[in-house]
Amino acid sequence: MFAEDGLVPGGGLCPPETLVIDHGRAFTSAHVIGVCTRLGMSIQPAQPKKPTDKPTVERFFRTLREGLIQHLPAYKGPDVHSRGQAVEDAAFFFIHEVEEIVREWITEV
């Protein structure tokens, strides 16, 4: 938790000066744009189909997928060829359970 009072872009732990986003609706929403504006952050859209615009987060996603997610039951893979058999019959997780699993994995690994 933090208060907006006295925040300077680039100062302290947050907020950053710039937020690099892909073109997902969640990131281009009026809410995200409004929050960034209020905190004095600029928004820089990444180029479509160019993961090198945001390499750190893309590498984290790969590490998360290869180190944890692919080992969970009912993992469907990044494409049709990576899917196991009868994944629909395997266990599934609610979003809060996945969040807890990911947080635990991050702290342990």
PDB file of N, CA and C in Angstrom:
ATOM      1  N   MET A   1       0.847  -1.181   0.000  1.00  0.00           N
ATOM      2  CA  MET A   1       0.000   0.000   0.000  1.00  0.00           C
ATOM      3  C   MET A   1       0.885   1.233   0.000  1.00  0.00           C
ATOM      4  N   PHE A   2       0.495   2.237  -0.733  1.00  0.00           N
ATOM      5  CA  PHE A   2       1.208   3.494  -0.725  1.00  0.00           C
ATOM      6  C   PHE A   2       0.220   4.612  -0.995  1.00  0.00           C
ATOM      7  N   ALA A   3       0.594   5.793  -0.565  1.00  0.00           N
ATOM      8  CA  ALA A   3      -0.231   6.971  -0.802  1.00  0.00           C
ATOM      9  C   ALA A   3       0.360   7.740  -1.980  1.00  0.00           C
ATOM     10  N   GLU A   4      -0.501   8.423  -2.708  1.00  0.00           N
ATOM     11  CA  GLU A   4      -0.035   9.181  -3.866  1.00  0.00           C
ATOM     12  C   GLU A   4       0.672  10.471  -3.452  1.00  0.00           C
ATOM     13  N   ASP A   5       0.430  10.945  -2.236  1.00  0.00           N
ATOM     14  CA  ASP A   5       1.033  12.197  -1.787  1.00  0.00           C
ATOM     15  C   ASP A   5       2.553  12.105  -1.811  1.00  0.00           C
ATOM     16  N   GLY A   6       3.178  13.048  -2.456  1.00  0.00           N
ATOM     17  CA  GLY A   6       4.626  13.127  -2.466  1.00  0.00           C
ATOM     18  C   GLY A   6       5.314  12.160  -3.414  1.00  0.00           C
ATOM     19  N   LEU A   7       4.575  11.432  -4.229  1.00  0.00           N
ATOM     20  CA  LEU A   7       5.220  10.516  -5.167  1.00  0.00           C
ATOM     21  C   LEU A   7       5.817  11.295  -6.333  1.00  0.00           C
ATOM     22  N   VAL A   8       7.020  10.930  -6.674  1.00  0.00           N
ATOM     23  CA  VAL A   8       7.704  11.538  -7.804  1.00  0.00           C
ATOM     24  C   VAL A   8       8.015  10.414  -8.791  1.00  0.00           C
ATOM     25  N   PRO A   9       7.634  10.551 -10.067  1.00  0.00           N
ATOM     26  CA  PRO A   9       7.943   9.491 -11.029  1.00  0.00           C
ATOM     27  C   PRO A   9       9.424   9.127 -11.015  1.00  0.00           C
ATOM     28  N   GLY A  10       9.702   7.838 -10.910  1.00  0.00           N
ATOM     29  CA  GLY A  10      11.072   7.364 -10.879  1.00  0.00           C
ATOM     30  C   GLY A  10      11.690   7.395  -9.494  1.00  0.00           C
ATOM     31  N   GLY A  11      11.018   7.975  -8.525  1.00  0.00           N
ATOM     32  CA  GLY A  11      11.555   8.041  -7.179  1.00  0.00           C
ATOM     33  C   GLY A  11      10.975   6.954  -6.298  1.00  0.00           C
ATOM     34  N   GLY A  12      11.774   6.401  -5.417  1.00  0.00           N
ATOM     35  CA  GLY A  12      11.298   5.365  -4.512  1.00  0.00           C
ATOM     36  C   GLY A  12      10.999   4.072  -5.239  1.00  0.00           C
ATOM     37  N   LEU A  13      10.165   3.258  -4.640  1.00  0.00           N
ATOM     38  CA  LEU A  13       9.843   1.965  -5.231  1.00  0.00           C
ATOM     39  C   LEU A  13       8.825   2.065  -6.342  1.00  0.00           C
ATOM     40  N   CYS A  14       7.930   3.025  -6.265  1.00  0.00           N
ATOM     41  CA  CYS A  14       6.934   3.181  -7.311  1.00  0.00           C
ATOM     42  C   CYS A  14       6.413   4.600  -7.274  1.00  0.00           C
ATOM     43  N   PRO A  15       5.858   5.095  -8.271  1.00  0.00           N
ATOM     44  CA  PRO A  15       5.603   4.465  -9.555  1.00  0.00           C
ATOM     45  C   PRO A  15       6.779   4.648 -10.492  1.00  0.00           C
ATOM     46  N   PRO A  16       6.878   3.798 -11.501  1.00  0.00           N
ATOM     47  CA  PRO A  16       7.925   4.002 -12.510  1.00  0.00           C
ATOM     48  C   PRO A  16       7.574   5.194 -13.385  1.00  0.00           C
ATOM     49  N   GLU A  17       8.534   5.658 -14.153  1.00  0.00           N
ATOM     50  CA  GLU A  17       8.287   6.784 -15.046  1.00  0.00           C
ATOM     51  C   GLU A  17       7.444   6.378 -16.243  1.00  0.00           C
ATOM     52  N   THR A  18       7.667   5.153 -16.742  1.00  0.00           N
ATOM     53  CA  THR A  18       7.001   4.692 -17.951  1.00  0.00           C
ATOM     54  C   THR A  18       6.472   3.281 -17.760  1.00  0.00           C
ATOM     55  N   LEU A  19       5.289   3.042 -18.290  1.00  0.00           N
ATOM     56  CA  LEU A  19       4.695   1.718 -18.285  1.00  0.00           C
ATOM     57  C   LEU A  19       4.645   1.239 -19.728  1.00  0.00           C
ATOM     58  N   VAL A  20       5.378   0.158 -20.030  1.00  0.00           N
ATOM     59  CA  VAL A  20       5.365  -0.413 -21.373  1.00  0.00           C
ATOM     60  C   VAL A  20       4.246  -1.443 -21.405  1.00  0.00           C
ATOM     61  N   ILE A  21       3.330  -1.275 -22.339  1.00  0.00           N
ATOM     62  CA  ILE A  21       2.156  -2.149 -22.397  1.00  0.00           C
ATOM     63  C   ILE A  21       2.049  -2.820 -23.759  1.00  0.00           C
ATOM     64  N   ASP A  22       1.381  -3.988 -23.766  1.00  0.00           N
ATOM     65  CA  ASP A  22       1.034  -4.564 -25.053  1.00  0.00           C
ATOM     66  C   ASP A  22      -0.341  -4.001 -25.410  1.00  0.00           C
ATOM     67  N   HIS A  23      -0.984  -4.536 -26.379  1.00  0.00           N
ATOM     68  CA  HIS A  23      -2.224  -3.933 -26.850  1.00  0.00           C
ATOM     69  C   HIS A  23      -3.471  -4.626 -26.311  1.00  0.00           C
ATOM     70  N   GLY A  24      -3.326  -5.299 -25.162  1.00  0.00           N
ATOM     71  CA  GLY A  24      -4.470  -5.935 -24.533  1.00  0.00           C
ATOM     72  C   GLY A  24      -5.449  -4.908 -24.001  1.00  0.00           C
ATOM     73  N   ARG A  25      -6.731  -5.260 -24.015  1.00  0.00           N
ATOM     74  CA  ARG A  25      -7.760  -4.308 -23.568  1.00  0.00           C
ATOM     75  C   ARG A  25      -7.574  -3.893 -22.121  1.00  0.00           C
ATOM     76  N   ALA A  26      -7.076  -4.792 -21.283  1.00  0.00           N
ATOM     77  CA  ALA A  26      -6.889  -4.443 -19.877  1.00  0.00           C
ATOM     78  C   ALA A  26      -5.894  -3.300 -19.709  1.00  0.00           C
ATOM     79  N   PHE A  27      -4.883  -3.255 -20.571  1.00  0.00           N
ATOM     80  CA  PHE A  27      -3.842  -2.236 -20.445  1.00  0.00           C
ATOM     81  C   PHE A  27      -4.182  -0.938 -21.154  1.00  0.00           C
ATOM     82  N   THR A  28      -5.089  -0.990 -22.103  1.00  0.00           N
ATOM     83  CA  THR A  28      -5.474   0.225 -22.818  1.00  0.00           C
ATOM     84  C   THR A  28      -6.792   0.789 -22.296  1.00  0.00           C
ATOM     85  N   SER A  29      -7.240   0.294 -21.158  1.00  0.00           N
ATOM     86  CA  SER A  29      -8.511   0.747 -20.604  1.00  0.00           C
ATOM     87  C   SER A  29      -8.394   2.165 -20.052  1.00  0.00           C
ATOM     88  N   ALA A  30      -9.519   2.807 -19.926  1.00  0.00           N
ATOM     89  CA  ALA A  30      -9.554   4.163 -19.374  1.00  0.00           C
ATOM     90  C   ALA A  30      -9.045   4.178 -17.936  1.00  0.00           C
ATOM     91  N   HIS A  31      -9.290   3.099 -17.202  1.00  0.00           N
ATOM     92  CA  HIS A  31      -8.844   3.029 -15.799  1.00  0.00           C
ATOM     93  C   HIS A  31      -7.316   3.063 -15.710  1.00  0.00           C
ATOM     94  N   VAL A  32      -6.643   2.205 -16.477  1.00  0.00           N
ATOM     95  CA  VAL A  32      -5.181   2.157 -16.441  1.00  0.00           C
ATOM     96  C   VAL A  32      -4.603   3.489 -16.907  1.00  0.00           C
ATOM     97  N   ILE A  33      -5.137   4.032 -17.973  1.00  0.00           N
ATOM     98  CA  ILE A  33      -4.646   5.315 -18.491  1.00  0.00           C
ATOM     99  C   ILE A  33      -4.852   6.417 -17.452  1.00  0.00           C
ATOM    100  N   GLY A  34      -6.013   6.405 -16.782  1.00  0.00           N
ATOM    101  CA  GLY A  34      -6.287   7.399 -15.745  1.00  0.00           C
ATOM    102  C   GLY A  34      -5.346   7.297 -14.561  1.00  0.00           C
ATOM    103  N   VAL A  35      -5.075   6.078 -14.114  1.00  0.00           N
ATOM    104  CA  VAL A  35      -4.157   5.875 -12.983  1.00  0.00           C
ATOM    105  C   VAL A  35      -2.758   6.338 -13.357  1.00  0.00           C
ATOM    106  N   CYS A  36      -2.303   5.978 -14.551  1.00  0.00           N
ATOM    107  CA  CYS A  36      -0.972   6.401 -14.989  1.00  0.00           C
ATOM    108  C   CYS A  36      -0.880   7.927 -15.084  1.00  0.00           C
ATOM    109  N   THR A  37      -1.914   8.536 -15.595  1.00  0.00           N
ATOM    110  CA  THR A  37      -1.941   9.996 -15.696  1.00  0.00           C
ATOM    111  C   THR A  37      -1.881  10.626 -14.308  1.00  0.00           C
ATOM    112  N   ARG A  38      -2.692  10.112 -13.385  1.00  0.00           N
ATOM    113  CA  ARG A  38      -2.730  10.647 -12.024  1.00  0.00           C
ATOM    114  C   ARG A  38      -1.384  10.489 -11.321  1.00  0.00           C
ATOM    115  N   LEU A  39      -0.658   9.396 -11.602  1.00  0.00           N
ATOM    116  CA  LEU A  39       0.634   9.161 -10.961  1.00  0.00           C
ATOM    117  C   LEU A  39       1.799   9.776 -11.730  1.00  0.00           C
ATOM    118  N   GLY A  40       1.502  10.437 -12.862  1.00  0.00           N
ATOM    119  CA  GLY A  40       2.552  11.090 -13.631  1.00  0.00           C
ATOM    120  C   GLY A  40       3.388  10.128 -14.461  1.00  0.00           C
ATOM    121  N   MET A  41       2.815   8.973 -14.806  1.00  0.00           N
ATOM    122  CA  MET A  41       3.541   7.977 -15.581  1.00  0.00           C
ATOM    123  C   MET A  41       3.156   8.077 -17.053  1.00  0.00           C
ATOM    124  N   SER A  42       4.125   7.917 -17.927  1.00  0.00           N
ATOM    125  CA  SER A  42       3.796   7.869 -19.342  1.00  0.00           C
ATOM    126  C   SER A  42       3.535   6.415 -19.735  1.00  0.00           C
ATOM    127  N   ILE A  43       2.785   6.234 -20.803  1.00  0.00           N
ATOM    128  CA  ILE A  43       2.468   4.900 -21.307  1.00  0.00           C
ATOM    129  C   ILE A  43       3.128   4.747 -22.661  1.00  0.00           C
ATOM    130  N   GLN A  44       3.891   3.664 -22.806  1.00  0.00           N
ATOM    131  CA  GLN A  44       4.577   3.395 -24.065  1.00  0.00           C
ATOM    132  C   GLN A  44       4.079   2.059 -24.608  1.00  0.00           C
ATOM    133  N   PRO A  45       3.298   2.084 -25.684  1.00  0.00           N
ATOM    134  CA  PRO A  45       2.833   0.815 -26.265  1.00  0.00           C
ATOM    135  C   PRO A  45       3.990   0.058 -26.915  1.00  0.00           C
ATOM    136  N   ALA A  46       4.047  -1.244 -26.655  1.00  0.00           N
ATOM    137  CA  ALA A  46       5.034  -2.095 -27.320  1.00  0.00           C
ATOM    138  C   ALA A  46       4.575  -2.336 -28.752  1.00  0.00           C
ATOM    139  N   GLN A  47       5.499  -2.635 -29.608  1.00  0.00           N
ATOM    140  CA  GLN A  47       5.154  -2.941 -30.986  1.00  0.00           C
ATOM    141  C   GLN A  47       4.476  -4.314 -31.028  1.00  0.00           C
ATOM    142  N   PRO A  48       3.404  -4.446 -31.805  1.00  0.00           N
ATOM    143  CA  PRO A  48       2.740  -5.748 -31.898  1.00  0.00           C
ATOM    144  C   PRO A  48       3.681  -6.841 -32.403  1.00  0.00           C
ATOM    145  N   LYS A  49       3.550  -8.023 -31.810  1.00  0.00           N
ATOM    146  CA  LYS A  49       4.335  -9.201 -32.211  1.00  0.00           C
ATOM    147  C   LYS A  49       5.842  -8.994 -32.050  1.00  0.00           C
ATOM    148  N   LYS A  50       6.238  -8.134 -31.085  1.00  0.00           N
ATOM    149  CA  LYS A  50       7.660  -7.898 -30.862  1.00  0.00           C
ATOM    150  C   LYS A  50       7.961  -8.007 -29.358  1.00  0.00           C
ATOM    151  N   PRO A  51       8.175  -9.236 -28.860  1.00  0.00           N
ATOM    152  CA  PRO A  51       8.425  -9.421 -27.429  1.00  0.00           C
ATOM    153  C   PRO A  51       9.709  -8.779 -26.943  1.00  0.00           C
ATOM    154  N   THR A  52      10.607  -8.401 -27.850  1.00  0.00           N
ATOM    155  CA  THR A  52      11.845  -7.765 -27.420  1.00  0.00           C
ATOM    156  C   THR A  52      11.614  -6.350 -26.895  1.00  0.00           C
ATOM    157  N   ASP A  53      10.416  -5.815 -27.067  1.00  0.00           N
ATOM    158  CA  ASP A  53      10.093  -4.505 -26.495  1.00  0.00           C
ATOM    159  C   ASP A  53       9.920  -4.577 -24.978  1.00  0.00           C
ATOM    160  N   LYS A  54       9.629  -5.759 -24.473  1.00  0.00           N
ATOM    161  CA  LYS A  54       9.464  -5.960 -23.030  1.00  0.00           C
ATOM    162  C   LYS A  54      10.103  -7.288 -22.615  1.00  0.00           C
ATOM    163  N   PRO A  55      11.440  -7.377 -22.773  1.00  0.00           N
ATOM    164  CA  PRO A  55      12.126  -8.657 -22.592  1.00  0.00           C
ATOM    165  C   PRO A  55      12.091  -9.207 -21.172  1.00  0.00           C
ATOM    166  N   THR A  56      12.132  -8.347 -20.174  1.00  0.00           N
ATOM    167  CA  THR A  56      12.176  -8.826 -18.790  1.00  0.00           C
ATOM    168  C   THR A  56      10.907  -9.580 -18.426  1.00  0.00           C
ATOM    169  N   VAL A  57       9.772  -9.014 -18.747  1.00  0.00           N
ATOM    170  CA  VAL A  57       8.515  -9.680 -18.407  1.00  0.00           C
ATOM    171  C   VAL A  57       8.294 -10.917 -19.270  1.00  0.00           C
ATOM    172  N   GLU A  58       8.699 -10.871 -20.534  1.00  0.00           N
ATOM    173  CA  GLU A  58       8.565 -12.048 -21.395  1.00  0.00           C
ATOM    174  C   GLU A  58       9.432 -13.194 -20.873  1.00  0.00           C
ATOM    175  N   ARG A  59      10.621 -12.893 -20.403  1.00  0.00           N
ATOM    176  CA  ARG A  59      11.509 -13.930 -19.852  1.00  0.00           C
ATOM    177  C   ARG A  59      10.915 -14.497 -18.569  1.00  0.00           C
ATOM    178  N   PHE A  60      10.327 -13.630 -17.750  1.00  0.00           N
ATOM    179  CA  PHE A  60       9.685 -14.120 -16.528  1.00  0.00           C
ATOM    180  C   PHE A  60       8.542 -15.071 -16.876  1.00  0.00           C
ATOM    181  N   PHE A  61       7.723 -14.708 -17.866  1.00  0.00           N
ATOM    182  CA  PHE A  61       6.621 -15.589 -18.265  1.00  0.00           C
ATOM    183  C   PHE A  61       7.146 -16.944 -18.729  1.00  0.00           C
ATOM    184  N   ARG A  62       8.244 -16.946 -19.473  1.00  0.00           N
ATOM    185  CA  ARG A  62       8.822 -18.219 -19.924  1.00  0.00           C
ATOM    186  C   ARG A  62       9.328 -19.037 -18.741  1.00  0.00           C
ATOM    187  N   THR A  63      10.030 -18.390 -17.818  1.00  0.00           N
ATOM    188  CA  THR A  63      10.527 -19.073 -16.631  1.00  0.00           C
ATOM    189  C   THR A  63       9.379 -19.647 -15.816  1.00  0.00           C
ATOM    190  N   LEU A  64       8.322 -18.873 -15.644  1.00  0.00           N
ATOM    191  CA  LEU A  64       7.150 -19.323 -14.894  1.00  0.00           C
ATOM    192  C   LEU A  64       6.503 -20.523 -15.585  1.00  0.00           C
ATOM    193  N   ARG A  65       6.358 -20.453 -16.895  1.00  0.00           N
ATOM    194  CA  ARG A  65       5.743 -21.554 -17.652  1.00  0.00           C
ATOM    195  C   ARG A  65       6.580 -22.822 -17.563  1.00  0.00           C
ATOM    196  N   GLU A  66       7.894 -22.690 -17.809  1.00  0.00           N
ATOM    197  CA  GLU A  66       8.751 -23.879 -17.841  1.00  0.00           C
ATOM    198  C   GLU A  66       9.052 -24.431 -16.455  1.00  0.00           C
ATOM    199  N   GLY A  67       9.089 -23.567 -15.462  1.00  0.00           N
ATOM    200  CA  GLY A  67       9.442 -24.016 -14.121  1.00  0.00           C
ATOM    201  C   GLY A  67       8.277 -24.456 -13.265  1.00  0.00           C
ATOM    202  N   LEU A  68       7.076 -23.971 -13.579  1.00  0.00           N
ATOM    203  CA  LEU A  68       5.931 -24.268 -12.723  1.00  0.00           C
ATOM    204  C   LEU A  68       4.679 -24.655 -13.499  1.00  0.00           C
ATOM    205  N   ILE A  69       4.193 -23.774 -14.316  1.00  0.00           N
ATOM    206  CA  ILE A  69       2.874 -23.928 -14.923  1.00  0.00           C
ATOM    207  C   ILE A  69       2.739 -25.225 -15.717  1.00  0.00           C
ATOM    208  N   GLN A  70       3.754 -25.594 -16.488  1.00  0.00           N
ATOM    209  CA  GLN A  70       3.622 -26.797 -17.309  1.00  0.00           C
ATOM    210  C   GLN A  70       3.558 -28.070 -16.476  1.00  0.00           C
ATOM    211  N   HIS A  71       3.901 -27.991 -15.205  1.00  0.00           N
ATOM    212  CA  HIS A  71       3.861 -29.162 -14.336  1.00  0.00           C
ATOM    213  C   HIS A  71       2.543 -29.291 -13.576  1.00  0.00           C
ATOM    214  N   LEU A  72       1.670 -28.316 -13.722  1.00  0.00           N
ATOM    215  CA  LEU A  72       0.367 -28.373 -13.054  1.00  0.00           C
ATOM    216  C   LEU A  72      -0.587 -29.275 -13.826  1.00  0.00           C
ATOM    217  N   PRO A  73      -1.519 -29.918 -13.114  1.00  0.00           N
ATOM    218  CA  PRO A  73      -2.496 -30.751 -13.822  1.00  0.00           C
ATOM    219  C   PRO A  73      -3.339 -29.902 -14.768  1.00  0.00           C
ATOM    220  N   ALA A  74      -3.719 -30.475 -15.884  1.00  0.00           N
ATOM    221  CA  ALA A  74      -4.571 -29.849 -16.891  1.00  0.00           C
ATOM    222  C   ALA A  74      -3.877 -28.718 -17.642  1.00  0.00           C
ATOM    223  N   TYR A  75      -2.554 -28.686 -17.621  1.00  0.00           N
ATOM    224  CA  TYR A  75      -1.827 -27.682 -18.403  1.00  0.00           C
ATOM    225  C   TYR A  75      -2.089 -27.920 -19.888  1.00  0.00           C
ATOM    226  N   LYS A  76      -2.502 -26.881 -20.585  1.00  0.00           N
ATOM    227  CA  LYS A  76      -2.852 -27.026 -21.997  1.00  0.00           C
ATOM    228  C   LYS A  76      -1.732 -26.626 -22.935  1.00  0.00           C
ATOM    229  N   GLY A  77      -0.700 -26.021 -22.443  1.00  0.00           N
ATOM    230  CA  GLY A  77       0.430 -25.677 -23.297  1.00  0.00           C
ATOM    231  C   GLY A  77       0.228 -24.397 -24.067  1.00  0.00           C
ATOM    232  N   PRO A  78       1.330 -23.871 -24.625  1.00  0.00           N
ATOM    233  CA  PRO A  78       1.253 -22.624 -25.371  1.00  0.00           C
ATOM    234  C   PRO A  78       0.603 -22.798 -26.745  1.00  0.00           C
ATOM    235  N   ASP A  79       0.481 -24.052 -27.198  1.00  0.00           N
ATOM    236  CA  ASP A  79      -0.149 -24.307 -28.491  1.00  0.00           C
ATOM    237  C   ASP A  79      -0.795 -25.695 -28.470  1.00  0.00           C
ATOM    238  N   VAL A  80      -1.522 -26.007 -29.485  1.00  0.00           N
ATOM    239  CA  VAL A  80      -2.274 -27.264 -29.548  1.00  0.00           C
ATOM    240  C   VAL A  80      -1.357 -28.486 -29.478  1.00  0.00           C
ATOM    241  N   HIS A  81      -0.165 -28.394 -30.041  1.00  0.00           N
ATOM    242  CA  HIS A  81       0.750 -29.539 -30.079  1.00  0.00           C
ATOM    243  C   HIS A  81       1.363 -29.855 -28.720  1.00  0.00           C
ATOM    244  N   SER A  82       1.307 -28.937 -27.769  1.00  0.00           N
ATOM    245  CA  SER A  82       1.910 -29.145 -26.453  1.00  0.00           C
ATOM    246  C   SER A  82       0.928 -29.706 -25.442  1.00  0.00           C
ATOM    247  N   ARG A  83      -0.315 -29.869 -25.812  1.00  0.00           N
ATOM    248  CA  ARG A  83      -1.334 -30.305 -24.863  1.00  0.00           C
ATOM    249  C   ARG A  83      -1.246 -31.798 -24.591  1.00  0.00           C
ATOM    250  N   GLY A  84      -1.544 -32.126 -23.344  1.00  0.00           N
ATOM    251  CA  GLY A  84      -1.602 -33.530 -22.978  1.00  0.00           C
ATOM    252  C   GLY A  84      -2.919 -34.133 -23.432  1.00  0.00           C
ATOM    253  N   GLN A  85      -3.122 -35.387 -23.078  1.00  0.00           N
ATOM    254  CA  GLN A  85      -4.361 -36.057 -23.456  1.00  0.00           C
ATOM    255  C   GLN A  85      -5.406 -35.857 -22.374  1.00  0.00           C
ATOM    256  N   ALA A  86      -6.630 -35.632 -22.760  1.00  0.00           N
ATOM    257  CA  ALA A  86      -7.784 -35.494 -21.861  1.00  0.00           C
ATOM    258  C   ALA A  86      -7.546 -34.475 -20.754  1.00  0.00           C
ATOM    259  N   VAL A  87      -7.014 -33.316 -21.110  1.00  0.00           N
ATOM    260  CA  VAL A  87      -6.743 -32.293 -20.099  1.00  0.00           C
ATOM    261  C   VAL A  87      -8.030 -31.782 -19.456  1.00  0.00           C
ATOM    262  N   GLU A  88      -9.140 -31.892 -20.158  1.00  0.00           N
ATOM    263  CA  GLU A  88     -10.412 -31.431 -19.602  1.00  0.00           C
ATOM    264  C   GLU A  88     -10.843 -32.267 -18.399  1.00  0.00           C
ATOM    265  N   ASP A  89     -10.357 -33.505 -18.325  1.00  0.00           N
ATOM    266  CA  ASP A  89     -10.711 -34.392 -17.222  1.00  0.00           C
ATOM    267  C   ASP A  89      -9.807 -34.212 -16.007  1.00  0.00           C
ATOM    268  N   ALA A  90      -8.722 -33.487 -16.162  1.00  0.00           N
ATOM    269  CA  ALA A  90      -7.775 -33.292 -15.070  1.00  0.00           C
ATOM    270  C   ALA A  90      -8.284 -32.205 -14.120  1.00  0.00           C
ATOM    271  N   ALA A  91      -7.580 -32.074 -13.011  1.00  0.00           N
ATOM    272  CA  ALA A  91      -7.935 -31.075 -12.011  1.00  0.00           C
ATOM    273  C   ALA A  91      -7.843 -29.675 -12.605  1.00  0.00           C
ATOM    274  N   PHE A  92      -8.558 -28.749 -12.010  1.00  0.00           N
ATOM    275  CA  PHE A  92      -8.443 -27.355 -12.425  1.00  0.00           C
ATOM    276  C   PHE A  92      -8.332 -26.495 -11.177  1.00  0.00           C
ATOM    277  N   PHE A  93      -7.895 -25.271 -11.347  1.00  0.00           N
ATOM    278  CA  PHE A  93      -7.703 -24.361 -10.228  1.00  0.00           C
ATOM    279  C   PHE A  93      -8.530 -23.104 -10.438  1.00  0.00           C
ATOM    280  N   PHE A  94      -8.993 -22.538  -9.342  1.00  0.00           N
ATOM    281  CA  PHE A  94      -9.606 -21.222  -9.376  1.00  0.00           C
ATOM    282  C   PHE A  94      -8.472 -20.205  -9.404  1.00  0.00           C
ATOM    283  N   ILE A  95      -8.771 -18.997  -9.846  1.00  0.00           N
ATOM    284  CA  ILE A  95      -7.726 -17.988 -10.018  1.00  0.00           C
ATOM    285  C   ILE A  95      -6.997 -17.687  -8.713  1.00  0.00           C
ATOM    286  N   HIS A  96      -7.712 -17.663  -7.589  1.00  0.00           N
ATOM    287  CA  HIS A  96      -7.033 -17.383  -6.314  1.00  0.00           C
ATOM    288  C   HIS A  96      -6.098 -18.529  -5.931  1.00  0.00           C
ATOM    289  N   GLU A  97      -6.406 -19.749  -6.356  1.00  0.00           N
ATOM    290  CA  GLU A  97      -5.519 -20.881  -6.086  1.00  0.00           C
ATOM    291  C   GLU A  97      -4.255 -20.793  -6.941  1.00  0.00           C
ATOM    292  N   VAL A  98      -4.409 -20.401  -8.189  1.00  0.00           N
ATOM    293  CA  VAL A  98      -3.244 -20.237  -9.058  1.00  0.00           C
ATOM    294  C   VAL A  98      -2.356 -19.126  -8.513  1.00  0.00           C
ATOM    295  N   GLU A  99      -2.963 -18.037  -8.068  1.00  0.00           N
ATOM    296  CA  GLU A  99      -2.182 -16.940  -7.497  1.00  0.00           C
ATOM    297  C   GLU A  99      -1.369 -17.421  -6.299  1.00  0.00           C
ATOM    298  N   GLU A 100      -1.984 -18.203  -5.436  1.00  0.00           N
ATOM    299  CA  GLU A 100      -1.290 -18.726  -4.257  1.00  0.00           C
ATOM    300  C   GLU A 100      -0.147 -19.662  -4.658  1.00  0.00           C
ATOM    301  N   ILE A 101      -0.383 -20.511  -5.649  1.00  0.00           N
ATOM    302  CA  ILE A 101       0.655 -21.430  -6.132  1.00  0.00           C
ATOM    303  C   ILE A 101       1.827 -20.655  -6.714  1.00  0.00           C
ATOM    304  N   VAL A 102       1.540 -19.642  -7.517  1.00  0.00           N
ATOM    305  CA  VAL A 102       2.601 -18.839  -8.139  1.00  0.00           C
ATOM    306  C   VAL A 102       3.384 -18.081  -7.074  1.00  0.00           C
ATOM    307  N   ARG A 103       2.697 -17.475  -6.126  1.00  0.00           N
ATOM    308  CA  ARG A 103       3.392 -16.741  -5.054  1.00  0.00           C
ATOM    309  C   ARG A 103       4.304 -17.664  -4.253  1.00  0.00           C
ATOM    310  N   GLU A 104       3.815 -18.835  -3.925  1.00  0.00           N
ATOM    311  CA  GLU A 104       4.623 -19.800  -3.172  1.00  0.00           C
ATOM    312  C   GLU A 104       5.853 -20.230  -3.986  1.00  0.00           C
ATOM    313  N   TRP A 105       5.642 -20.488  -5.284  1.00  0.00           N
ATOM    314  CA  TRP A 105       6.758 -20.890  -6.149  1.00  0.00           C
ATOM    315  C   TRP A 105       7.802 -19.787  -6.243  1.00  0.00           C
ATOM    316  N   ILE A 106       7.354 -18.549  -6.374  1.00  0.00           N
ATOM    317  CA  ILE A 106       8.302 -17.424  -6.457  1.00  0.00           C
ATOM    318  C   ILE A 106       9.143 -17.325  -5.192  1.00  0.00           C
ATOM    319  N   THR A 107       8.515 -17.465  -4.036  1.00  0.00           N
ATOM    320  CA  THR A 107       9.280 -17.345  -2.778  1.00  0.00           C
ATOM    321  C   THR A 107      10.225 -18.522  -2.555  1.00  0.00           C
ATOM    322  N   GLU A 108       9.837 -19.708  -3.017  1.00  0.00           N
ATOM    323  CA  GLU A 108      10.682 -20.884  -2.802  1.00  0.00           C
ATOM    324  C   GLU A 108      11.766 -21.042  -3.858  1.00  0.00           C
ATOM    325  N   VAL A 109      11.446 -20.696  -5.095  1.00  0.00           N
ATOM    326  CA  VAL A 109      12.397 -20.907  -6.186  1.00  0.00           C
ATOM    327  C   VAL A 109      13.164 -19.629  -6.465  1.00  0.00           C
TER     328      VAL A 109
END
